[in-house]
Protein backbone atom coordinates (compact mmCIF):
# COMPACT_ATOMS: atom_id res chain seq x y z
CA MET A 1 10.17 21.47 27.87
CA GLU A 2 12.16 18.92 29.82
CA PHE A 3 12.06 16.51 26.88
CA ILE A 4 13.24 19.25 24.50
CA GLN A 5 16.05 20.17 26.86
CA ARG A 6 17.13 16.53 27.20
CA PHE A 7 17.04 16.15 23.41
CA GLN A 8 19.15 19.28 22.91
CA ASN A 9 21.71 17.89 25.35
CA ARG A 10 22.12 14.68 23.36
CA SER A 11 25.06 14.14 21.01
CA ILE A 12 25.13 15.60 17.50
CA ARG A 13 25.23 12.05 16.10
CA PHE A 14 21.98 11.15 17.89
CA LYS A 15 20.24 14.33 16.78
CA LEU A 16 21.39 13.98 13.16
CA LEU A 17 20.28 10.36 13.13
CA ILE A 18 16.84 11.30 14.52
CA TYR A 19 16.47 14.12 11.98
CA PHE A 20 17.38 11.85 9.07
CA VAL A 21 15.05 9.08 10.25
CA ILE A 22 12.14 11.52 10.72
CA ILE A 23 12.62 13.05 7.26
CA ILE A 24 12.91 9.64 5.60
CA LEU A 25 9.96 8.26 7.58
CA ILE A 26 7.73 11.19 6.62
CA SER A 27 8.70 10.78 2.96
CA ILE A 28 8.13 7.04 2.94
CA VAL A 29 4.82 7.22 4.83
CA THR A 30 3.57 10.00 2.55
CA LEU A 31 4.55 8.13 -0.60
CA SER A 32 3.09 4.85 0.66
CA THR A 33 -0.18 6.53 1.75
CA VAL A 34 -0.60 8.37 -1.53
CA GLY A 35 0.48 5.29 -3.46
CA THR A 36 -2.02 3.10 -1.63
CA ALA A 37 -4.83 5.58 -2.28
CA VAL A 38 -3.91 5.86 -5.95
CA TYR A 39 -3.58 2.09 -6.25
CA LYS A 40 -6.95 1.58 -4.56
CA ARG A 41 -8.58 4.05 -6.92
CA SER A 42 -6.82 2.46 -9.86
CA ILE A 43 -8.04 -1.02 -8.82
CA GLU A 44 -11.59 0.24 -8.52
CA ASP A 45 -11.44 1.99 -11.89
CA THR A 46 -9.83 -1.03 -13.52
CA THR A 47 -12.44 -3.35 -12.03
CA ASN A 48 -15.29 -1.11 -13.21
CA GLU A 49 -13.78 -0.83 -16.67
CA HIS A 50 -13.32 -4.58 -16.83
CA THR A 51 -16.92 -5.17 -15.72
CA ILE A 52 -18.25 -2.69 -18.29
CA GLN A 53 -16.12 -4.32 -20.96
CA MET A 54 -17.31 -7.84 -20.07
CA MET A 55 -20.95 -6.72 -19.92
CA GLY A 56 -20.53 -4.98 -23.27
CA GLN A 57 -19.05 -8.14 -24.72
CA VAL A 58 -21.99 -10.23 -23.49
CA LYS A 59 -24.46 -7.62 -24.66
CA ASN A 60 -22.93 -7.43 -28.14
CA ASN A 61 -22.83 -11.21 -28.52
CA LEU A 62 -26.43 -11.64 -27.38
CA SER A 63 -27.59 -8.72 -29.50
CA HIS A 64 -25.92 -10.41 -32.43
CA TYR A 65 -27.83 -13.64 -31.74
CA PHE A 66 -31.08 -11.75 -31.24
CA GLU A 67 -30.60 -9.87 -34.52
CA GLU A 68 -29.74 -13.11 -36.26
CA MET A 69 -32.94 -14.78 -34.97
CA GLU A 70 -34.97 -11.75 -36.08
CA ASN A 71 -33.33 -11.91 -39.51
CA ILE A 72 -34.22 -15.60 -39.78
CA LEU A 73 -37.85 -14.70 -39.04
CA ALA A 74 -37.69 -12.04 -41.73
CA TYR A 75 -36.14 -14.43 -44.21
CA LEU A 76 -38.83 -17.00 -43.51
CA ALA A 77 -41.57 -14.40 -43.88
CA ASN A 78 -40.21 -13.41 -47.31
CA ASP A 79 -39.81 -16.96 -48.55
CA ASP A 80 -42.22 -17.75 -51.43
CA LYS A 81 -43.21 -21.15 -50.08
CA VAL A 82 -43.84 -19.77 -46.64
CA MET A 83 -45.86 -16.93 -48.09
CA THR A 84 -47.89 -19.47 -50.04
CA PHE A 85 -48.44 -21.48 -46.85
CA PHE A 86 -49.94 -18.47 -45.07
CA ALA A 87 -51.81 -17.08 -48.11
CA GLU A 88 -53.61 -20.32 -49.12
CA ALA A 89 -54.59 -21.48 -45.67
CA SER A 90 -58.05 -23.21 -45.52
CA GLU A 91 -59.77 -25.95 -43.63
CA GLU A 92 -59.61 -28.35 -46.61
CA MET A 93 -55.97 -27.73 -47.21
CA ALA A 94 -54.83 -30.40 -44.81
CA ASP A 95 -56.26 -33.20 -47.00
CA ASP A 96 -55.08 -31.80 -50.23
CA LEU A 97 -52.12 -33.53 -51.86
CA GLU A 98 -50.81 -30.27 -53.17
CA ALA A 99 -50.99 -28.79 -49.70
CA SER A 100 -49.00 -31.70 -48.32
CA LYS A 101 -46.39 -31.10 -50.92
CA LEU A 102 -46.31 -27.41 -49.96
CA TRP A 103 -45.90 -28.26 -46.31
CA ALA A 104 -43.05 -30.57 -47.14
CA GLU A 105 -41.32 -27.79 -49.01
CA VAL A 106 -41.89 -25.39 -46.10
CA GLU A 107 -40.46 -27.99 -43.73
CA LYS A 108 -37.38 -28.16 -45.94
CA VAL A 109 -36.99 -24.41 -45.71
CA ILE A 110 -37.30 -24.67 -41.91
CA GLU A 111 -34.83 -27.53 -41.82
CA MET A 112 -32.31 -25.51 -43.80
CA TYR A 113 -32.24 -22.76 -41.16
CA GLU A 114 -32.24 -25.25 -38.31
CA ASN A 115 -29.23 -27.02 -39.78
CA ARG A 116 -27.36 -23.78 -40.30
CA HIS A 117 -28.09 -22.59 -36.78
CA PRO A 118 -27.78 -25.37 -34.20
CA GLU A 119 -28.84 -22.93 -31.47
CA ILE A 120 -32.39 -23.04 -32.92
CA ALA A 121 -34.45 -25.48 -30.87
CA GLY A 122 -37.38 -25.39 -33.25
CA ILE A 123 -39.44 -23.29 -35.70
CA LEU A 124 -43.24 -23.35 -35.76
CA MET A 125 -45.51 -21.66 -38.38
CA VAL A 126 -49.23 -21.30 -37.63
CA ASN A 127 -51.63 -19.78 -40.18
CA LYS A 128 -54.99 -18.23 -39.52
CA GLY A 129 -56.66 -21.57 -40.24
CA ASP A 130 -54.84 -23.00 -37.18
CA GLN A 131 -52.73 -25.12 -39.48
CA TYR A 132 -49.05 -25.38 -38.51
CA VAL A 133 -45.78 -26.60 -39.95
CA SER A 134 -42.67 -27.61 -37.93
CA ASN A 135 -39.93 -30.19 -37.90
CA LYS A 136 -39.29 -30.29 -34.16
CA LEU A 137 -42.38 -28.80 -32.53
CA ASP A 138 -45.86 -30.25 -32.28
CA ARG A 139 -49.18 -29.52 -30.62
CA MET A 140 -49.68 -31.23 -27.29
CA ILE A 141 -53.48 -31.29 -27.38
CA ARG A 142 -56.04 -30.43 -30.04
CA ASP A 143 -56.76 -26.96 -28.63
CA PRO A 144 -56.17 -24.42 -31.39
CA LEU A 145 -52.74 -22.80 -31.42
CA ALA A 146 -54.33 -19.58 -32.59
CA SER A 147 -55.83 -19.18 -29.12
CA GLU A 148 -52.39 -19.27 -27.43
CA SER A 149 -51.25 -16.09 -25.66
CA TRP A 150 -48.06 -15.81 -27.65
CA TYR A 151 -50.09 -16.03 -30.90
CA LYS A 152 -52.48 -13.31 -29.82
CA GLN A 153 -49.63 -11.05 -28.67
CA ALA A 154 -47.98 -11.36 -32.07
CA VAL A 155 -51.25 -10.64 -33.89
CA ASN A 156 -51.87 -7.60 -31.69
CA ASN A 157 -48.33 -6.32 -32.35
CA PRO A 158 -47.80 -7.20 -36.02
CA ASP A 159 -44.90 -4.78 -36.51
CA GLU A 160 -42.78 -6.12 -33.66
CA VAL A 161 -40.73 -9.21 -32.96
CA LEU A 162 -41.79 -10.41 -29.54
CA LEU A 163 -39.14 -11.89 -27.26
CA ILE A 164 -40.56 -14.23 -24.63
CA SER A 165 -38.40 -15.65 -21.86
CA LYS A 166 -39.44 -18.88 -20.15
CA PRO A 167 -42.51 -19.53 -22.29
CA ILE A 168 -44.38 -21.61 -19.72
CA GLY A 169 -47.87 -23.08 -20.34
CA ARG A 170 -47.75 -23.38 -24.13
CA ASN A 171 -49.65 -26.02 -26.02
CA ILE A 172 -46.41 -27.08 -27.67
CA LYS A 173 -44.12 -29.99 -27.14
CA ALA A 174 -40.61 -30.39 -28.49
CA GLU A 175 -39.10 -33.31 -30.25
CA TYR A 176 -36.24 -33.39 -27.73
CA ASN A 177 -38.57 -32.64 -24.81
CA TYR A 178 -36.78 -29.50 -23.51
CA SER A 179 -38.45 -27.38 -20.86
CA ALA A 180 -39.63 -23.81 -21.17
CA ASP A 181 -36.74 -22.72 -18.91
CA GLN A 182 -34.27 -23.87 -21.55
CA VAL A 183 -35.47 -21.78 -24.49
CA LEU A 184 -36.07 -18.20 -25.50
CA SER A 185 -38.97 -17.64 -27.92
CA PHE A 186 -39.01 -15.17 -30.79
CA VAL A 187 -42.52 -14.56 -32.16
CA LYS A 188 -43.47 -12.50 -35.22
CA ALA A 189 -46.81 -12.04 -37.05
CA PHE A 190 -46.91 -12.76 -40.77
CA LYS A 191 -48.78 -10.06 -42.66
CA VAL A 192 -49.49 -9.24 -46.26
CA PRO A 193 -47.07 -6.50 -47.34
CA ASN A 194 -49.61 -4.37 -49.15
CA THR A 195 -52.62 -4.72 -46.92
CA ASN A 196 -50.86 -5.44 -43.59
CA GLN A 197 -53.39 -8.23 -43.08
CA VAL A 198 -52.18 -10.78 -40.52
CA LEU A 199 -52.28 -14.30 -41.94
CA GLY A 200 -50.46 -16.17 -39.15
CA VAL A 201 -47.55 -16.26 -36.75
CA ILE A 202 -43.99 -17.64 -36.91
CA LEU A 203 -42.46 -18.88 -33.61
CA LEU A 204 -38.73 -19.57 -33.20
CA ASP A 205 -37.30 -21.17 -30.05
CA MET A 206 -33.62 -20.47 -29.40
CA GLU A 207 -31.75 -22.63 -26.90
CA LEU A 208 -30.87 -20.73 -23.74
CA SER A 209 -27.55 -22.56 -23.63
CA ILE A 210 -26.20 -20.10 -26.17
CA ILE A 211 -26.73 -17.33 -23.58
CA GLN A 212 -25.22 -19.52 -20.89
CA THR A 213 -22.12 -20.13 -22.99
CA THR A 214 -21.77 -16.45 -23.79
CA ILE A 215 -22.07 -15.40 -20.15
CA GLU A 216 -19.79 -18.12 -18.84
CA GLN A 217 -17.05 -16.95 -21.22
CA VAL A 218 -16.65 -13.75 -19.23
CA SER A 219 -15.19 -13.47 -15.76
CA LEU A 220 -15.71 -10.86 -13.05
CA GLY A 221 -13.10 -11.81 -10.51
CA LYS A 222 -13.43 -14.96 -8.45
CA SER A 223 -17.08 -14.70 -7.39
CA GLY A 224 -18.54 -11.98 -9.65
CA PHE A 225 -21.18 -12.88 -12.24
CA VAL A 226 -23.43 -11.53 -15.02
CA TYR A 227 -27.14 -12.23 -15.50
CA ILE A 228 -30.00 -11.16 -17.83
CA THR A 229 -33.45 -9.85 -16.89
CA ASP A 230 -36.49 -9.23 -19.10
CA GLU A 231 -38.65 -6.14 -19.26
CA ASN A 232 -40.63 -7.30 -16.22
CA GLY A 233 -37.56 -7.83 -14.08
CA GLY A 234 -37.73 -11.61 -14.40
CA ILE A 235 -34.48 -13.48 -14.68
CA VAL A 236 -33.85 -14.76 -18.19
CA TYR A 237 -30.59 -16.43 -17.28
CA SER A 238 -28.22 -16.33 -14.35
CA PRO A 239 -25.44 -18.62 -13.17
CA VAL A 240 -26.00 -20.70 -10.06
CA ASN A 241 -25.37 -18.11 -7.34
CA PRO A 242 -27.47 -17.39 -4.24
CA ILE A 243 -26.63 -13.69 -4.42
CA VAL A 244 -28.72 -13.19 -7.55
CA TYR A 245 -31.94 -13.92 -5.66
CA ARG A 246 -31.00 -11.35 -3.01
CA ILE A 247 -30.92 -8.54 -5.56
CA ASN A 248 -34.12 -6.54 -5.37
CA SER A 249 -35.58 -5.72 -8.78
CA GLU A 250 -36.47 -2.26 -7.46
CA TRP A 251 -32.76 -1.49 -7.23
CA LEU A 252 -32.51 -2.00 -10.99
CA GLU A 253 -35.49 0.27 -11.57
CA SER A 254 -33.81 3.16 -9.74
CA GLY A 255 -32.15 4.34 -12.91
CA TYR A 256 -28.61 4.14 -11.54
CA THR A 257 -26.19 2.28 -13.81
CA ASN A 258 -23.66 1.79 -11.01
CA PHE A 259 -24.42 1.44 -7.30
CA GLU A 260 -23.29 -0.34 -4.15
CA LYS A 261 -25.42 -2.58 -1.93
CA MET A 262 -24.90 -4.74 1.16
CA ILE A 263 -25.94 -8.38 0.61
CA ASN A 264 -25.34 -11.01 3.30
CA ASN A 265 -23.02 -8.61 5.13
CA ARG A 266 -20.87 -8.18 2.04
CA SER A 267 -20.56 -5.07 -0.07
CA PHE A 268 -21.33 -5.63 -3.77
CA GLN A 269 -20.86 -3.38 -6.76
CA ILE A 270 -23.86 -3.67 -9.13
CA MET A 271 -23.72 -2.35 -12.68
CA GLN A 272 -26.46 -2.56 -15.30
CA ASP A 273 -26.99 -1.82 -18.97
CA GLN A 274 -30.04 -2.08 -21.23
CA PHE A 275 -30.59 -3.87 -24.51
CA GLU A 276 -31.90 -1.56 -27.20
CA HIS A 277 -35.50 -2.10 -28.45
CA ILE A 278 -36.39 -4.98 -26.07
CA ASN A 279 -36.01 -3.33 -22.61
CA TRP A 280 -34.01 -6.23 -21.31
CA LYS A 281 -31.12 -5.60 -18.92
CA ILE A 282 -27.72 -7.08 -18.42
CA VAL A 283 -26.51 -6.88 -14.83
CA GLY A 284 -22.96 -7.31 -13.53
CA VAL A 285 -22.34 -8.10 -9.85
CA PHE A 286 -19.01 -8.42 -8.06
CA PRO A 287 -17.95 -8.14 -4.38
CA PHE A 288 -15.87 -5.22 -3.21
CA ASP A 289 -13.83 -7.35 -0.84
CA GLU A 290 -12.11 -9.06 -3.77
CA SER A 291 -10.74 -5.78 -5.07
CA LYS A 292 -10.05 -4.71 -1.50
CA SER A 293 -8.04 -7.89 -0.94
CA PHE A 294 -5.60 -6.69 -3.59
CA VAL A 295 -5.40 -3.35 -1.79
CA ILE A 296 -4.81 -5.13 1.55
CA LYS A 297 -2.01 -7.18 -0.03
CA TRP A 298 -0.59 -4.02 -1.50
CA GLN A 299 -0.72 -2.34 1.92
CA PHE A 300 0.95 -5.37 3.54
CA TYR A 301 3.76 -5.39 1.02
CA THR A 302 4.00 -1.61 1.34
CA VAL A 303 4.46 -1.92 5.10
CA ILE A 304 7.15 -4.56 4.57
CA ILE A 305 8.92 -2.35 2.03
CA VAL A 306 8.56 0.68 4.32
CA LEU A 307 10.11 -1.20 7.26
CA PHE A 308 12.90 -2.58 5.09
CA THR A 309 13.53 0.84 3.53
CA LEU A 310 13.48 2.44 6.97
CA PHE A 311 16.01 -0.12 8.21
CA LEU A 312 18.28 0.60 5.25
CA ALA A 313 17.74 4.34 5.78
CA ILE A 314 18.79 4.03 9.43
CA LEU A 315 21.93 2.12 8.39
CA VAL A 316 22.78 4.68 5.72
CA SER A 317 22.01 7.53 8.13
CA TRP A 318 24.22 5.87 10.75
CA PHE A 319 27.17 5.66 8.34
CA PHE A 320 26.46 9.16 7.07
CA THR A 321 26.36 10.67 10.56
CA ASN A 322 29.52 8.73 11.44
CA SER A 323 31.27 10.32 8.47
CA ILE A 324 30.39 13.71 9.96
CA ILE A 325 30.76 12.98 13.66
CA ASN A 326 33.91 10.82 13.67
CA PRO A 327 36.20 13.69 12.57
CA VAL A 328 34.53 15.93 15.18
CA ARG A 329 35.06 13.28 17.89
CA LYS A 330 38.67 12.83 16.78
CA LEU A 331 39.22 16.59 17.02
CA ARG A 332 37.53 16.63 20.44
CA ARG A 333 39.81 13.84 21.74
CA ILE A 334 42.89 15.66 20.48
CA MET A 335 41.66 18.87 22.13
CA HIS A 336 41.24 17.04 25.42
CA ARG A 337 44.75 15.63 25.25
CA VAL A 338 46.11 19.05 24.34
CA GLU A 339 44.34 20.41 27.41
CA GLU A 340 46.34 17.86 29.41
CA GLY A 341 49.54 19.32 27.95
CA GLU A 342 50.31 17.08 24.94
CA LEU A 343 50.97 20.03 22.64
CA HIS A 344 52.80 17.91 20.05
CA LEU A 345 49.50 16.39 18.83
CA ARG A 346 47.97 17.57 15.55
CA PHE A 347 44.63 16.93 13.83
CA GLU A 348 45.00 15.10 10.50
CA GLY A 349 41.85 15.61 8.42
CA ARG A 350 41.06 13.66 5.26
CA SER A 351 38.96 16.40 3.68
CA LYS A 352 38.98 20.14 3.23
CA ASP A 353 35.38 20.71 4.33
CA GLU A 354 34.34 22.82 7.32
CA ILE A 355 35.60 20.19 9.78
CA GLY A 356 38.93 19.97 7.97
CA GLN A 357 39.24 23.76 8.02
CA LEU A 358 38.39 23.78 11.73
CA GLY A 359 41.10 21.16 12.31
CA ASP A 360 43.64 23.27 10.39
CA SER A 361 42.76 26.31 12.51
CA PHE A 362 43.14 24.19 15.65
CA ASN A 363 46.55 22.95 14.50
CA LYS A 364 47.70 26.51 13.91
CA MET A 365 46.45 27.56 17.34
CA VAL A 366 48.20 24.66 19.11
CA GLN A 367 51.37 25.33 17.17
CA GLU A 368 51.35 28.97 18.26
CA ILE A 369 50.65 27.96 21.87
CA GLU A 370 53.50 25.43 21.75
CA GLN A 371 55.82 28.07 20.33
CA LEU A 372 54.82 30.52 23.04
CA LEU A 373 55.33 27.95 25.79
CA HIS A 374 58.65 26.91 24.31
CA MET A 375 59.68 30.54 24.16
CA VAL A 376 58.66 31.11 27.80
CA TYR A 377 60.38 27.88 28.85
CA SER A 378 63.52 28.84 26.96
CA GLU A 379 63.54 32.20 28.66
CA GLN A 380 63.06 30.65 32.11
CA LYS A 381 65.69 28.03 31.41
CA GLY A 382 68.08 30.68 30.26
CA LYS A 383 67.51 32.62 33.44
CA ARG A 384 68.10 29.56 35.59
CA GLU A 385 71.23 28.62 33.69
CA ALA A 386 72.49 32.16 34.13
CA GLU A 387 71.73 32.06 37.83
CA LEU A 388 73.43 28.66 38.12
CA LYS A 389 76.50 29.94 36.32
CA VAL A 390 76.65 32.90 38.65
CA LEU A 391 76.38 30.51 41.59
CA GLN A 392 79.06 28.28 40.12
CA GLU A 393 81.29 31.26 39.66
CA GLN A 394 80.70 32.25 43.23
CA ILE A 395 81.38 28.75 44.54
CA LYS A 396 84.47 28.23 42.44
CA PRO A 397 84.06 24.41 42.19
CA HIS A 398 87.76 23.61 41.90
CA PHE A 399 88.69 25.72 44.90
CA LEU A 400 85.78 24.17 46.84
CA TYR A 401 86.80 20.61 45.95
CA ASN A 402 90.46 21.29 46.89
CA THR A 403 89.45 22.78 50.23
CA LEU A 404 87.20 19.79 51.00
CA ASP A 405 90.06 17.42 50.09
CA THR A 406 92.34 19.26 52.52
CA ILE A 407 89.76 18.95 55.29
CA GLN A 408 89.40 15.24 54.49
CA TRP A 409 93.19 14.67 54.77
CA MET A 410 93.42 16.56 58.02
CA ALA A 411 90.54 14.52 59.47
CA GLN A 412 92.21 11.29 58.36
CA ASP A 413 95.45 12.33 60.06
CA ARG A 414 93.57 12.84 63.28
CA GLU A 415 91.56 9.61 62.66
CA ALA A 416 88.24 11.52 62.73
CA ASP A 417 86.38 9.01 60.56
CA ASP A 418 83.00 10.65 61.01
CA ILE A 419 84.37 13.92 59.68
CA VAL A 420 85.91 12.06 56.74
CA GLU A 421 82.56 10.43 55.90
CA ILE A 422 80.62 13.68 56.02
CA VAL A 423 83.24 15.52 53.94
CA ILE A 424 83.13 12.77 51.27
CA ALA A 425 79.31 12.95 51.22
CA LEU A 426 79.39 16.74 50.91
CA THR A 427 81.94 16.51 48.08
CA ASN A 428 79.71 14.08 46.14
CA LEU A 429 76.67 16.27 46.85
CA PHE A 430 78.31 19.32 45.29
CA ARG A 431 79.93 17.46 42.42
CA ILE A 432 76.73 15.72 41.27
CA GLY A 433 74.57 18.81 42.00
CA LEU A 434 76.72 20.99 39.74
CA SER A 435 77.30 18.31 37.05
CA ARG A 436 79.21 20.79 34.93
CA GLY A 437 75.94 22.66 34.24
CA ASN A 438 74.06 19.64 32.78
CA GLU A 439 70.33 19.41 33.58
CA VAL A 440 70.14 15.65 32.92
CA ILE A 441 72.18 12.98 34.70
CA SER A 442 72.09 9.19 35.00
CA LEU A 443 69.73 7.54 37.45
CA GLU A 444 72.77 6.02 39.23
CA ASN A 445 74.23 9.48 39.91
CA GLU A 446 70.86 10.80 41.04
CA PHE A 447 70.74 8.00 43.63
CA LYS A 448 74.36 8.73 44.74
CA HIS A 449 73.42 12.39 45.15
CA VAL A 450 70.44 11.69 47.39
CA GLU A 451 72.46 9.10 49.36
CA SER A 452 75.14 11.72 50.04
CA TYR A 453 72.47 14.07 51.29
CA LEU A 454 71.05 11.33 53.57
CA ILE A 455 74.54 10.60 55.03
CA ILE A 456 74.91 14.25 56.01
CA GLN A 457 71.42 14.36 57.51
CA MET A 458 72.07 11.14 59.49
CA MET A 459 75.15 12.79 61.00
CA ARG A 460 73.03 15.75 61.96
CA TYR A 461 70.11 13.85 63.49
CA GLU A 462 72.29 10.99 64.82
CA GLY A 463 70.01 8.10 65.91
CA LYS A 464 66.71 9.72 64.87
CA LEU A 465 67.00 8.86 61.13
CA SER A 466 67.72 5.74 59.07
CA TYR A 467 67.41 5.07 55.35
CA GLN A 468 67.37 2.30 52.74
CA ILE A 469 67.96 2.68 48.98
CA ASN A 470 66.97 -0.36 46.95
CA ASP A 471 69.36 -1.59 44.31
CA ILE A 472 68.85 -0.29 40.77
CA SER A 473 68.59 -2.85 38.01
CA SER A 474 71.43 -2.77 35.50
CA GLN A 475 69.11 -1.76 32.66
CA LEU A 476 68.01 1.38 34.55
CA LYS A 477 71.35 2.64 35.89
CA ASN A 478 72.15 4.62 32.77
CA SER A 479 68.63 5.97 32.32
CA GLN A 480 68.77 9.76 31.95
CA VAL A 481 66.67 11.80 34.39
CA LEU A 482 66.43 15.40 35.51
CA LYS A 483 68.95 16.04 38.28
CA LEU A 484 68.02 17.03 41.83
CA ILE A 485 64.53 15.52 41.83
CA LEU A 486 64.92 13.13 44.76
CA GLN A 487 66.84 15.36 47.18
CA PRO A 488 64.01 17.94 47.61
CA LEU A 489 61.56 15.09 48.21
CA VAL A 490 63.83 13.51 50.84
CA GLU A 491 64.27 16.94 52.41
CA ASN A 492 60.45 17.31 52.62
CA ALA A 493 60.20 13.83 54.17
CA ILE A 494 62.73 14.80 56.89
CA TYR A 495 61.55 18.31 57.76
CA HIS A 496 57.79 17.83 57.32
CA GLY A 497 57.45 14.18 58.25
CA ILE A 498 60.14 12.56 60.40
CA LYS A 499 61.14 15.72 62.29
CA MET A 500 57.52 16.15 63.44
CA LYS A 501 57.32 12.55 64.66
CA LYS A 502 58.30 11.15 68.01
CA GLY A 503 60.84 8.37 67.77
CA LYS A 504 63.11 7.19 65.00
CA GLY A 505 62.21 7.87 61.37
CA HIS A 506 63.00 5.80 58.31
CA ILE A 507 63.20 6.73 54.62
CA GLN A 508 63.11 4.18 51.82
CA ILE A 509 63.82 4.90 48.14
CA GLU A 510 62.57 2.46 45.44
CA THR A 511 62.52 2.28 41.68
CA GLU A 512 60.26 0.31 39.34
CA ILE A 513 58.71 0.25 35.86
CA ARG A 514 54.96 0.82 35.86
CA ASP A 515 52.76 1.23 32.72
CA PHE A 516 55.86 1.81 30.58
CA LYS A 517 56.99 4.63 32.89
CA LEU A 518 59.96 4.93 35.25
CA VAL A 519 58.65 5.39 38.81
CA LEU A 520 60.89 6.61 41.65
CA SER A 521 59.34 6.39 45.12
CA VAL A 522 60.30 8.16 48.38
CA ILE A 523 58.61 6.47 51.35
CA ASP A 524 58.75 7.67 54.96
CA ASN A 525 57.09 6.68 58.23
CA GLY A 526 56.79 10.26 59.44
CA ILE A 527 53.77 12.10 60.78
CA GLY A 528 51.98 12.05 57.43
CA VAL A 529 49.71 14.69 55.95
CA LYS A 530 46.21 15.62 57.06
CA PRO A 531 43.45 15.02 54.44
CA GLU A 532 42.67 18.74 53.97
CA GLN A 533 46.36 19.55 53.53
CA LEU A 534 46.77 16.58 51.17
CA GLU A 535 43.92 17.91 49.02
CA ILE A 536 45.70 21.30 48.79
CA ILE A 537 48.93 19.56 47.79
CA GLU A 538 47.20 17.50 45.08
CA GLN A 539 45.51 20.62 43.71
CA GLY A 540 48.84 22.40 43.60
CA LEU A 541 50.45 19.51 41.73
CA LYS A 542 47.71 19.68 39.07
CA ASN A 543 47.87 23.46 38.60
CA VAL A 544 51.34 23.85 37.20
CA GLY A 545 52.47 27.45 37.17
CA ASP A 546 49.92 28.67 39.73
CA PRO A 547 51.67 31.41 41.80
CA GLU A 548 49.78 30.27 44.89
CA HIS A 549 51.89 27.11 44.93
CA LYS A 550 55.23 28.55 43.91
CA ASP A 551 56.39 28.84 47.50
CA GLY A 552 56.35 26.11 50.08
CA PHE A 553 57.20 22.46 49.53
CA GLY A 554 60.07 21.68 47.16
CA LEU A 555 57.96 18.96 45.53
CA PHE A 556 55.96 21.65 43.66
CA ASN A 557 59.14 22.90 42.00
CA VAL A 558 60.20 19.35 41.15
CA ASN A 559 56.76 18.58 39.73
CA GLU A 560 56.78 21.76 37.63
CA ARG A 561 60.25 20.97 36.22
CA ILE A 562 59.15 17.43 35.25
CA ARG A 563 55.91 18.51 33.58
CA LEU A 564 57.51 21.40 31.72
CA THR A 565 60.22 19.05 30.45
CA TYR A 566 58.26 15.85 29.69
CA GLY A 567 54.58 16.90 29.56
CA VAL A 568 51.53 16.57 31.80
CA SER A 569 51.53 12.76 31.55
CA TYR A 570 54.44 12.80 33.97
CA GLY A 571 54.99 14.38 37.38
CA ILE A 572 54.47 13.64 41.07
CA GLN A 573 51.71 11.85 42.98
CA VAL A 574 51.43 11.98 46.77
CA HIS A 575 49.81 9.29 48.93
CA SER A 576 49.68 9.90 52.68
CA VAL A 577 47.89 8.70 55.81
CA TYR A 578 48.08 11.00 58.78
CA GLU A 579 50.20 9.63 61.67
CA GLU A 580 51.27 6.65 59.48
CA GLY A 581 53.50 8.00 56.76
CA THR A 582 53.80 9.36 53.23
CA ARG A 583 54.69 7.95 49.82
CA VAL A 584 55.75 10.25 46.97
CA ASP A 585 55.86 8.68 43.46
CA VAL A 586 57.80 10.39 40.68
CA PHE A 587 56.73 9.41 37.13
CA LEU A 588 59.36 9.86 34.41
CA PRO A 589 59.56 8.68 30.78
CA LEU A 590 61.29 5.35 30.39
């Protein structure tokens, strides 16, 4: 709850920025998570499809070679010379010249197929008389070929073409001395078409390199591979890879065409397919970590993109929130200054949205307030002017001045210089105070007015009061100020400061320019003001128009006149230390 409360108390900009970032972050994380999952699934599907395609390609190519070898066996079996070789087989045939000629013709037939198909390592024909014909194959020892296992298997299965991988232990040697691991043997019994009598067997050795070439042409990633097994699970061909010997043949017998196994602490995908008619299998193996490495790279780049996008989103959100908040902050600043009394300020909006409409409403409100204040001020000013005119009528300035002049002449005749001085001061006091009804006078006249007042007061208090008025600079003499602002302050200094003090009092009046404002200062060494009373005075100076402070010190009236005329940026400040003295600063526009 405390966290929620603290968050609610934060600025609108901060909250908007957090909201935008959360929304964008959720969107990006969701998209990246779903995208990664889809990409991972797509990689797996693509890898499986590629493996199936490569295995199908190998299977089709090998099936084509197998069919071609079977067709060659069929062609040989239907050849007239070959048929004659099997049909006329006898023990005496080997010494017969005609038989030798026949064998030579059969060898030519064999040679023709061997030349056309370089993948054929050799062709061997053995008839029931244990006589054989071949260009590249020969009997190792004199044991009969008809007693070989491959011969008997062909005789026992006359309708099938037997496919024998790694034909080890045969009584056959090759012209080029290749090993049994390098060939694949196709064996077919020769039988009479009408009687199905078996007259011999044809053996064809195909070089295993053709399978090697076919398999090496396909690629299953960086470390994936394809290999071939026979019907017994024996490996017909596999590339050099230690993983192949870790694959249990029982896994391939499970019937699953696609499964996953752990080999050497690595996860492998194993797929298998079967050759038709011969029960051989083609197996594809590839590690999962290769496909996963692409996913990991994808995730890494996704994180980078997410962070970069989030950074851009924060920047955009920052500018976006600024576009909303800056007008609000501008309006808030103007409101604060209006609260201080600067009613001439207006909000200037660049748009007509809700904030612009709010600013227009604020401008109308301030304008109405300013009009009301101006109306009240005009009424009060009118009243004061009327009162002043009544007073002026009562005083009859010209009659008063003439009377004072008469008194001055009479005092001069009797050489009463002190009376002359006080009469002159009183004359100046009235003349400048009335000022023909003007509210604004020059700073020079304001200083003459307060000096006249001080002369009269010095006469009254004799040796208890002294004063000093600093010279005014020439550039400030003609500055226009409200009249009668210093005399009430000097009066306060005398009656509330110096009068309450034992000994002689002194008043000093200064003028200066401070922060582009005209500052008039009245300084006394009177009794000063107690802190609690000073706090009340300061509060009264801030609360212009408060009835509680209407009566009492004349400085409240002076302060109110200044602030009503020039605004709340101007007025009076009081600084005082009890039993040391008081300084009153008057701030006026320059």
